[in-house]
Amino acid sequence: MTSTIQTTLFIATIGIVGIFIFMSFFYLIILALDKYLPYQEEKPTEEFMEEISESEE
């Protein structure tokens, strides 16, 4: 193998490994955000308005 091909494969390997490391890190950030900031379903506007009118009385 020529040195040019070896250098090219080395650079490509570094790039691929870098992408996998970044994607793993990004996935862990998403999991942490999902754990500490869970999704809460919003109430419909009608129920929200009823709660406001009840608390004013």
C-alpha atoms as a PDB file:
ATOM      1  CA  MET A   1       0.000   0.000   0.000  1.00  0.00           C
ATOM      2  CA  THR A   2       1.268   3.422  -0.775  1.00  0.00           C
ATOM      3  CA  SER A   3       1.757   5.999   1.934  1.00  0.00           C
ATOM      4  CA  THR A   4      -0.970   8.188   0.404  1.00  0.00           C
ATOM      5  CA  ILE A   5      -3.599   5.468   0.788  1.00  0.00           C
ATOM      6  CA  GLN A   6      -2.440   4.714   4.337  1.00  0.00           C
ATOM      7  CA  THR A   7      -2.685   8.392   5.264  1.00  0.00           C
ATOM      8  CA  THR A   8      -6.127   8.641   3.681  1.00  0.00           C
ATOM      9  CA  LEU A   9      -7.398   5.585   5.574  1.00  0.00           C
ATOM     10  CA  PHE A  10      -5.946   6.945   8.816  1.00  0.00           C
ATOM     11  CA  ILE A  11      -7.710  10.303   8.352  1.00  0.00           C
ATOM     12  CA  ALA A  12     -10.979   8.549   7.455  1.00  0.00           C
ATOM     13  CA  THR A  13     -10.721   6.334  10.552  1.00  0.00           C
ATOM     14  CA  ILE A  14     -10.160   9.361  12.784  1.00  0.00           C
ATOM     15  CA  GLY A  15     -13.204  11.051  11.213  1.00  0.00           C
ATOM     16  CA  ILE A  16     -15.477   8.042  11.674  1.00  0.00           C
ATOM     17  CA  VAL A  17     -14.375   7.516  15.287  1.00  0.00           C
ATOM     18  CA  GLY A  18     -14.891  11.220  15.948  1.00  0.00           C
ATOM     19  CA  ILE A  19     -18.437  11.058  14.589  1.00  0.00           C
ATOM     20  CA  PHE A  20     -19.280   8.033  16.771  1.00  0.00           C
ATOM     21  CA  ILE A  21     -17.875   9.756  19.866  1.00  0.00           C
ATOM     22  CA  PHE A  22     -19.867  12.919  19.110  1.00  0.00           C
ATOM     23  CA  MET A  23     -23.105  10.980  18.475  1.00  0.00           C
ATOM     24  CA  SER A  24     -22.668   9.003  21.706  1.00  0.00           C
ATOM     25  CA  PHE A  25     -22.100  12.213  23.651  1.00  0.00           C
ATOM     26  CA  PHE A  26     -25.123  13.850  21.995  1.00  0.00           C
ATOM     27  CA  TYR A  27     -27.290  10.796  22.809  1.00  0.00           C
ATOM     28  CA  LEU A  28     -26.233  10.923  26.458  1.00  0.00           C
ATOM     29  CA  ILE A  29     -27.140  14.617  26.610  1.00  0.00           C
ATOM     30  CA  ILE A  30     -30.588  13.837  25.198  1.00  0.00           C
ATOM     31  CA  LEU A  31     -31.111  11.061  27.769  1.00  0.00           C
ATOM     32  CA  ALA A  32     -30.055  13.366  30.611  1.00  0.00           C
ATOM     33  CA  LEU A  33     -32.390  16.131  29.452  1.00  0.00           C
ATOM     34  CA  ASP A  34     -35.248  13.657  29.147  1.00  0.00           C
ATOM     35  CA  LYS A  35     -34.610  12.411  32.685  1.00  0.00           C
ATOM     36  CA  TYR A  36     -34.320  15.835  34.334  1.00  0.00           C
ATOM     37  CA  LEU A  37     -36.913  17.646  32.201  1.00  0.00           C
ATOM     38  CA  PRO A  38     -39.659  15.088  31.498  1.00  0.00           C
ATOM     39  CA  TYR A  39     -42.405  15.835  29.000  1.00  0.00           C
ATOM     40  CA  GLN A  40     -45.599  17.123  30.569  1.00  0.00           C
ATOM     41  CA  GLU A  41     -48.733  17.088  28.496  1.00  0.00           C
ATOM     42  CA  GLU A  42     -50.386  20.499  28.338  1.00  0.00           C
ATOM     43  CA  LYS A  43     -53.970  20.924  29.477  1.00  0.00           C
ATOM     44  CA  PRO A  44     -56.514  22.112  26.948  1.00  0.00           C
ATOM     45  CA  THR A  45     -57.311  25.835  27.123  1.00  0.00           C
ATOM     46  CA  GLU A  46     -60.834  25.174  28.445  1.00  0.00           C
ATOM     47  CA  GLU A  47     -59.572  23.401  31.573  1.00  0.00           C
ATOM     48  CA  PHE A  48     -56.989  26.120  32.134  1.00  0.00           C
ATOM     49  CA  MET A  49     -59.669  28.831  31.937  1.00  0.00           C
ATOM     50  CA  GLU A  50     -61.871  26.901  34.394  1.00  0.00           C
ATOM     51  CA  GLU A  51     -59.020  26.733  36.917  1.00  0.00           C
ATOM     52  CA  ILE A  52     -58.420  30.470  36.635  1.00  0.00           C
ATOM     53  CA  SER A  53     -62.116  31.327  37.121  1.00  0.00           C
ATOM     54  CA  GLU A  54     -62.352  28.976  40.151  1.00  0.00           C
ATOM     55  CA  SER A  55     -59.309  30.506  41.826  1.00  0.00           C
ATOM     56  CA  GLU A  56     -60.691  34.049  41.372  1.00  0.00           C
ATOM     57  CA  GLU A  57     -63.913  33.180  43.226  1.00  0.00           C
END
